[in-house]
Every structure is written in C-alpha cells, then in structure tokens.
C-alpha cells in the first residue's frame, strides 16, 4: 500500500474516531487509527497531519449539509463541539496564558463575554471559537479557524474572530485610536 493511501486511510479513521467521540484529541486519534489500520505500529511518515485529519472530519460532516439545514442549531453546535474538543490537548505558553490549554482559555473568554454581553450571540460565539484554528495551524490560527468555520458562523462572528488579536491589543493599551474605534463599532 502506498504511503499516501495509508495516510489517507489513517486520516479517515482518525476523523471517524473524533466524530463519534471515541477520542478527544488529534494525537490520540492518530495513534488509535494507526493501530486499527496498520494492525499496530506505523512509521511517522505514514501518519497524517492534523490538517489532513481535520479535512477528513469535514468530509464526514460536510459544511454544505449544515448550511442546508441551518435552522437546526443542534447540528451546527455539534460541529462546534467537534472543533473545540481537540483544543483540550493543546497547551499554551504559561507567561501569556496561565490557564493552560486552549479549550480552557476559550471557555474562560466565553464565560466572561457571556456575563458582560448576555444578548450578543455573535460576540459570544466569537469568544468561544476564536482559537479553534490553533488545532490546525498554530502559526496562523486565525486564518485556519476562519477557513474551517466558513459557512457555520455569521459575517459579524467571522469579523470578530478575524480581529480578536486587535481586541487583545486594545485591552493591553497598545492598539491605535482608529483601530480601537473600528473594533468598538462592531
């Protein structure tokens, strides 16, 4: 079996394991999928990347099916749960995020926003989902997160996620006046 075919089979099995919640993180899904597909040990080069697993997961629950049934909020929120689950295994630098993993941080931000703005659903959703891209591409988590959330969130929620780093700079007092005004108006 070719390496790309084996990688694809492992990625699909890892996505299935994540979708049915037998595992909650990408690393665990890769290991379990490799054991199932290879019957044991697999070379590191045969293992798919987190992005390949995420793409396989999106094929299992395509965004189009969620858009067709956009009124079914439970389906949409199930997709959010699938995206948030793996964040528990991603740790952040202690100096900037003493709370530890990305999921805990996202839940803390969500809870703060929910208390301050209880009727602003777009802002609450942006607070909850602002770091989902860290599970795909830590180097550019904003773009990765927006790509995976496309079709699942409103334009305003996407704008808020896209500019969440500016919100942090505003809180720290390092954001310019014009950018702060633009942020405040959304």
C-alpha atoms as a PDB file:
ATOM      1  CA  UNK A   1       0.000   0.000   0.000  1.00  0.00           C
ATOM      2  CA  UNK A   2       1.360   3.430  -0.946  1.00  0.00           C
ATOM      3  CA  UNK A   3       2.235   5.913   1.782  1.00  0.00           C
ATOM      4  CA  UNK A   4      -0.356   8.466   0.590  1.00  0.00           C
ATOM      5  CA  UNK A   5      -3.081   5.811   0.533  1.00  0.00           C
ATOM      6  CA  UNK A   6      -2.117   4.651   4.024  1.00  0.00           C
ATOM      7  CA  UNK A   7      -2.048   8.260   5.292  1.00  0.00           C
ATOM      8  CA  UNK A   8      -5.496   8.814   3.814  1.00  0.00           C
ATOM      9  CA  UNK A   9      -6.915   5.677   5.452  1.00  0.00           C
ATOM     10  CA  UNK A  10      -5.417   6.636   8.827  1.00  0.00           C
ATOM     11  CA  UNK A  11      -6.750  10.211   8.479  1.00  0.00           C
ATOM     12  CA  UNK A  12     -10.262   8.935   7.663  1.00  0.00           C
ATOM     13  CA  UNK A  13     -10.240   6.524  10.597  1.00  0.00           C
ATOM     14  CA  UNK A  14      -8.924   9.234  12.948  1.00  0.00           C
ATOM     15  CA  UNK A  15     -11.689  11.582  11.758  1.00  0.00           C
ATOM     16  CA  UNK A  16     -14.296   8.885  12.371  1.00  0.00           C
ATOM     17  CA  UNK A  17     -12.966   8.304  15.892  1.00  0.00           C
ATOM     18  CA  UNK A  18     -13.159  12.041  16.603  1.00  0.00           C
ATOM     19  CA  UNK A  19     -16.656  12.300  15.101  1.00  0.00           C
ATOM     20  CA  UNK A  20     -18.063   9.521  17.288  1.00  0.00           C
ATOM     21  CA  UNK A  21     -16.104  10.935  20.251  1.00  0.00           C
ATOM     22  CA  UNK A  22     -14.161   7.754  20.999  1.00  0.00           C
ATOM     23  CA  UNK A  23     -11.116  10.011  21.321  1.00  0.00           C
ATOM     24  CA  UNK A  24     -10.957  13.733  22.009  1.00  0.00           C
ATOM     25  CA  UNK A  25      -7.612  14.838  20.596  1.00  0.00           C
ATOM     26  CA  UNK A  26      -5.779  14.561  17.293  1.00  0.00           C
ATOM     27  CA  UNK A  27      -2.743  12.755  18.675  1.00  0.00           C
ATOM     28  CA  UNK A  28      -4.876  10.078  20.339  1.00  0.00           C
ATOM     29  CA  UNK A  29      -6.965   9.760  17.182  1.00  0.00           C
ATOM     30  CA  UNK A  30      -3.825   9.287  15.053  1.00  0.00           C
ATOM     31  CA  UNK A  31      -2.466   6.595  17.364  1.00  0.00           C
ATOM     32  CA  UNK A  32      -5.745   4.686  17.599  1.00  0.00           C
ATOM     33  CA  UNK A  33      -6.345   4.978  13.852  1.00  0.00           C
ATOM     34  CA  UNK A  34      -2.818   3.790  13.024  1.00  0.00           C
ATOM     35  CA  UNK A  35      -3.301   0.762  15.288  1.00  0.00           C
ATOM     36  CA  UNK A  36      -6.623  -0.039  13.629  1.00  0.00           C
ATOM     37  CA  UNK A  37      -5.445   0.451  10.039  1.00  0.00           C
ATOM     38  CA  UNK A  38      -1.901  -0.950  10.312  1.00  0.00           C
ATOM     39  CA  UNK A  39      -2.589  -3.538  12.962  1.00  0.00           C
ATOM     40  CA  UNK A  40      -0.024  -1.958  15.254  1.00  0.00           C
ATOM     41  CA  UNK A  41       2.903   0.375  14.774  1.00  0.00           C
ATOM     42  CA  UNK A  42       3.108   2.912  11.908  1.00  0.00           C
ATOM     43  CA  UNK A  43       6.076   4.967  10.734  1.00  0.00           C
ATOM     44  CA  UNK A  44       5.943   8.694  11.498  1.00  0.00           C
ATOM     45  CA  UNK A  45       5.878   9.442   7.759  1.00  0.00           C
ATOM     46  CA  UNK A  46       2.723   7.356   7.394  1.00  0.00           C
ATOM     47  CA  UNK A  47       0.822   9.405   9.969  1.00  0.00           C
ATOM     48  CA  UNK A  48      -1.414  12.201   8.653  1.00  0.00           C
ATOM     49  CA  UNK A  49      -1.101  15.788   9.799  1.00  0.00           C
ATOM     50  CA  UNK A  50      -3.748  17.407  11.984  1.00  0.00           C
ATOM     51  CA  UNK A  51      -4.912  19.353   8.931  1.00  0.00           C
ATOM     52  CA  UNK A  52      -5.424  16.132   6.933  1.00  0.00           C
ATOM     53  CA  UNK A  53      -7.498  14.727   9.793  1.00  0.00           C
ATOM     54  CA  UNK A  54      -9.491  17.979  10.033  1.00  0.00           C
ATOM     55  CA  UNK A  55     -10.219  17.819   6.282  1.00  0.00           C
ATOM     56  CA  UNK A  56     -11.352  14.201   6.612  1.00  0.00           C
ATOM     57  CA  UNK A  57     -13.555  15.239   9.527  1.00  0.00           C
ATOM     58  CA  UNK A  58     -15.120  17.947   7.372  1.00  0.00           C
ATOM     59  CA  UNK A  59     -15.859  15.351   4.684  1.00  0.00           C
ATOM     60  CA  UNK A  60     -17.657  13.251   7.292  1.00  0.00           C
ATOM     61  CA  UNK A  61     -19.855  16.195   8.314  1.00  0.00           C
ATOM     62  CA  UNK A  62     -19.785  18.471   5.256  1.00  0.00           C
ATOM     63  CA  UNK A  63     -20.425  22.171   5.771  1.00  0.00           C
ATOM     64  CA  UNK A  64     -22.970  22.103   2.912  1.00  0.00           C
ATOM     65  CA  UNK A  65     -25.213  19.760   4.882  1.00  0.00           C
ATOM     66  CA  UNK A  66     -25.038  22.159   7.815  1.00  0.00           C
ATOM     67  CA  UNK A  67     -25.852  25.126   5.567  1.00  0.00           C
ATOM     68  CA  UNK A  68     -28.832  23.312   4.008  1.00  0.00           C
ATOM     69  CA  UNK A  69     -30.224  22.739   7.475  1.00  0.00           C
ATOM     70  CA  UNK A  70     -29.073  25.990   9.052  1.00  0.00           C
ATOM     71  CA  UNK A  71     -32.238  26.182  11.134  1.00  0.00           C
ATOM     72  CA  UNK A  72     -31.177  23.071  13.013  1.00  0.00           C
ATOM     73  CA  UNK A  73     -28.973  24.752  15.584  1.00  0.00           C
ATOM     74  CA  UNK A  74     -28.151  21.484  17.325  1.00  0.00           C
ATOM     75  CA  UNK A  75     -26.317  20.220  14.214  1.00  0.00           C
ATOM     76  CA  UNK A  76     -24.318  23.434  13.988  1.00  0.00           C
ATOM     77  CA  UNK A  77     -23.403  23.359  17.668  1.00  0.00           C
ATOM     78  CA  UNK A  78     -22.414  19.696  17.355  1.00  0.00           C
ATOM     79  CA  UNK A  79     -19.942  20.794  14.669  1.00  0.00           C
ATOM     80  CA  UNK A  80     -18.596  23.442  17.056  1.00  0.00           C
ATOM     81  CA  UNK A  81     -18.186  20.775  19.735  1.00  0.00           C
ATOM     82  CA  UNK A  82     -16.220  18.627  17.296  1.00  0.00           C
ATOM     83  CA  UNK A  83     -13.908  21.556  16.571  1.00  0.00           C
ATOM     84  CA  UNK A  84     -13.478  22.515  20.233  1.00  0.00           C
ATOM     85  CA  UNK A  85     -12.813  19.036  21.681  1.00  0.00           C
ATOM     86  CA  UNK A  86      -9.238  18.620  20.386  1.00  0.00           C
ATOM     87  CA  UNK A  87      -8.213  22.010  21.830  1.00  0.00           C
ATOM     88  CA  UNK A  88      -8.024  20.427  25.280  1.00  0.00           C
ATOM     89  CA  UNK A  89      -4.746  18.767  24.321  1.00  0.00           C
ATOM     90  CA  UNK A  90      -3.081  21.954  23.040  1.00  0.00           C
ATOM     91  CA  UNK A  91      -1.149  23.803  25.735  1.00  0.00           C
ATOM     92  CA  UNK A  92      -0.311  27.489  25.519  1.00  0.00           C
ATOM     93  CA  UNK A  93       2.715  29.409  26.834  1.00  0.00           C
ATOM     94  CA  UNK A  94       2.325  29.910  30.589  1.00  0.00           C
ATOM     95  CA  UNK A  95       3.567  33.521  30.524  1.00  0.00           C
ATOM     96  CA  UNK A  96       0.704  34.677  28.271  1.00  0.00           C
ATOM     97  CA  UNK A  97      -1.933  32.046  29.135  1.00  0.00           C
ATOM     98  CA  UNK A  98      -1.514  30.797  32.710  1.00  0.00           C
ATOM     99  CA  UNK A  99      -4.801  28.897  32.434  1.00  0.00           C
ATOM    100  CA  UNK A 100      -3.065  26.231  30.332  1.00  0.00           C
ATOM    101  CA  UNK A 101      -4.828  24.552  27.424  1.00  0.00           C
ATOM    102  CA  UNK A 102      -6.636  26.297  24.569  1.00  0.00           C
ATOM    103  CA  UNK A 103     -10.056  24.831  25.386  1.00  0.00           C
ATOM    104  CA  UNK A 104      -9.981  26.077  28.977  1.00  0.00           C
ATOM    105  CA  UNK A 105      -8.888  29.516  27.748  1.00  0.00           C
ATOM    106  CA  UNK A 106     -11.702  29.626  25.168  1.00  0.00           C
ATOM    107  CA  UNK A 107     -14.281  28.633  27.770  1.00  0.00           C
ATOM    108  CA  UNK A 108     -12.997  31.332  30.147  1.00  0.00           C
ATOM    109  CA  UNK A 109     -13.224  34.007  27.453  1.00  0.00           C
ATOM    110  CA  UNK A 110     -16.716  32.805  26.503  1.00  0.00           C
ATOM    111  CA  UNK A 111     -17.907  32.950  30.119  1.00  0.00           C
ATOM    112  CA  UNK A 112     -16.556  36.492  30.595  1.00  0.00           C
ATOM    113  CA  UNK A 113     -18.253  37.712  27.414  1.00  0.00           C
ATOM    114  CA  UNK A 114     -21.495  35.896  28.282  1.00  0.00           C
ATOM    115  CA  UNK A 115     -21.622  37.723  31.607  1.00  0.00           C
ATOM    116  CA  UNK A 116     -20.788  41.122  30.088  1.00  0.00           C
ATOM    117  CA  UNK A 117     -22.879  40.870  26.899  1.00  0.00           C
ATOM    118  CA  UNK A 118     -25.639  38.305  27.573  1.00  0.00           C
ATOM    119  CA  UNK A 119     -27.669  39.162  24.434  1.00  0.00           C
ATOM    120  CA  UNK A 120     -24.850  39.392  21.881  1.00  0.00           C
ATOM    121  CA  UNK A 121     -24.803  35.868  20.432  1.00  0.00           C
ATOM    122  CA  UNK A 122     -22.296  36.719  17.670  1.00  0.00           C
ATOM    123  CA  UNK A 123     -19.803  38.060  20.213  1.00  0.00           C
ATOM    124  CA  UNK A 124     -20.314  35.049  22.492  1.00  0.00           C
ATOM    125  CA  UNK A 125     -19.770  32.642  19.597  1.00  0.00           C
ATOM    126  CA  UNK A 126     -16.639  34.536  18.519  1.00  0.00           C
ATOM    127  CA  UNK A 127     -15.344  34.335  22.097  1.00  0.00           C
ATOM    128  CA  UNK A 128     -15.905  30.584  22.182  1.00  0.00           C
ATOM    129  CA  UNK A 129     -14.480  29.822  18.730  1.00  0.00           C
ATOM    130  CA  UNK A 130     -11.703  32.422  18.421  1.00  0.00           C
ATOM    131  CA  UNK A 131      -8.882  29.871  18.828  1.00  0.00           C
ATOM    132  CA  UNK A 132     -10.234  26.768  17.003  1.00  0.00           C
ATOM    133  CA  UNK A 133      -7.567  27.311  14.340  1.00  0.00           C
ATOM    134  CA  UNK A 134      -4.798  26.515  16.849  1.00  0.00           C
ATOM    135  CA  UNK A 135      -5.646  22.846  16.357  1.00  0.00           C
ATOM    136  CA  UNK A 136      -4.987  23.166  12.625  1.00  0.00           C
ATOM    137  CA  UNK A 137      -2.226  25.721  12.113  1.00  0.00           C
ATOM    138  CA  UNK A 138      -0.713  27.273  15.248  1.00  0.00           C
ATOM    139  CA  UNK A 139       1.361  29.643  13.088  1.00  0.00           C
ATOM    140  CA  UNK A 140      -1.759  31.261  11.554  1.00  0.00           C
ATOM    141  CA  UNK A 141      -4.609  30.105  13.742  1.00  0.00           C
ATOM    142  CA  UNK A 142      -6.934  32.941  12.750  1.00  0.00           C
ATOM    143  CA  UNK A 143      -6.935  32.093   9.019  1.00  0.00           C
ATOM    144  CA  UNK A 144      -7.149  28.358   9.732  1.00  0.00           C
ATOM    145  CA  UNK A 145     -10.049  28.862  12.130  1.00  0.00           C
ATOM    146  CA  UNK A 146     -11.959  31.089   9.726  1.00  0.00           C
ATOM    147  CA  UNK A 147     -11.471  28.567   6.920  1.00  0.00           C
ATOM    148  CA  UNK A 148     -12.876  25.680   8.952  1.00  0.00           C
ATOM    149  CA  UNK A 149     -15.760  27.802  10.303  1.00  0.00           C
ATOM    150  CA  UNK A 150     -16.768  29.142   6.894  1.00  0.00           C
ATOM    151  CA  UNK A 151     -20.497  28.650   6.393  1.00  0.00           C
ATOM    152  CA  UNK A 152     -21.082  27.888  10.069  1.00  0.00           C
ATOM    153  CA  UNK A 153     -20.885  31.388  11.530  1.00  0.00           C
ATOM    154  CA  UNK A 154     -22.269  34.818  10.691  1.00  0.00           C
ATOM    155  CA  UNK A 155     -20.264  37.511   8.924  1.00  0.00           C
ATOM    156  CA  UNK A 156     -20.036  39.506  12.144  1.00  0.00           C
ATOM    157  CA  UNK A 157     -18.792  36.498  14.128  1.00  0.00           C
ATOM    158  CA  UNK A 158     -16.146  35.902  11.449  1.00  0.00           C
ATOM    159  CA  UNK A 159     -15.105  39.582  11.631  1.00  0.00           C
ATOM    160  CA  UNK A 160     -14.800  39.404  15.407  1.00  0.00           C
ATOM    161  CA  UNK A 161     -12.667  36.247  15.210  1.00  0.00           C
ATOM    162  CA  UNK A 162     -10.523  37.799  12.484  1.00  0.00           C
ATOM    163  CA  UNK A 163      -9.837  40.826  14.707  1.00  0.00           C
ATOM    164  CA  UNK A 164      -9.599  39.144  18.119  1.00  0.00           C
ATOM    165  CA  UNK A 165      -5.865  39.805  18.339  1.00  0.00           C
ATOM    166  CA  UNK A 166      -6.620  43.532  17.980  1.00  0.00           C
ATOM    167  CA  UNK A 167      -9.091  43.231  20.868  1.00  0.00           C
ATOM    168  CA  UNK A 168      -6.292  41.832  22.981  1.00  0.00           C
ATOM    169  CA  UNK A 169      -4.008  44.710  21.998  1.00  0.00           C
ATOM    170  CA  UNK A 170      -6.801  47.161  22.885  1.00  0.00           C
ATOM    171  CA  UNK A 171      -7.113  45.596  26.327  1.00  0.00           C
ATOM    172  CA  UNK A 172      -3.329  45.855  26.771  1.00  0.00           C
ATOM    173  CA  UNK A 173      -3.417  49.513  25.659  1.00  0.00           C
ATOM    174  CA  UNK A 174      -1.205  49.009  22.596  1.00  0.00           C
ATOM    175  CA  UNK A 175      -3.863  49.478  19.879  1.00  0.00           C
ATOM    176  CA  UNK A 176      -4.156  52.777  17.998  1.00  0.00           C
ATOM    177  CA  UNK A 177      -7.223  55.014  18.346  1.00  0.00           C
ATOM    178  CA  UNK A 178      -8.592  54.390  14.829  1.00  0.00           C
ATOM    179  CA  UNK A 179      -8.310  50.620  15.124  1.00  0.00           C
ATOM    180  CA  UNK A 180      -9.881  50.747  18.590  1.00  0.00           C
ATOM    181  CA  UNK A 181     -12.827  52.757  17.220  1.00  0.00           C
ATOM    182  CA  UNK A 182     -13.312  50.274  14.357  1.00  0.00           C
ATOM    183  CA  UNK A 183     -13.279  47.427  16.860  1.00  0.00           C
ATOM    184  CA  UNK A 184     -15.749  49.162  19.176  1.00  0.00           C
ATOM    185  CA  UNK A 185     -18.211  49.762  16.301  1.00  0.00           C
ATOM    186  CA  UNK A 186     -18.548  46.060  15.615  1.00  0.00           C
END
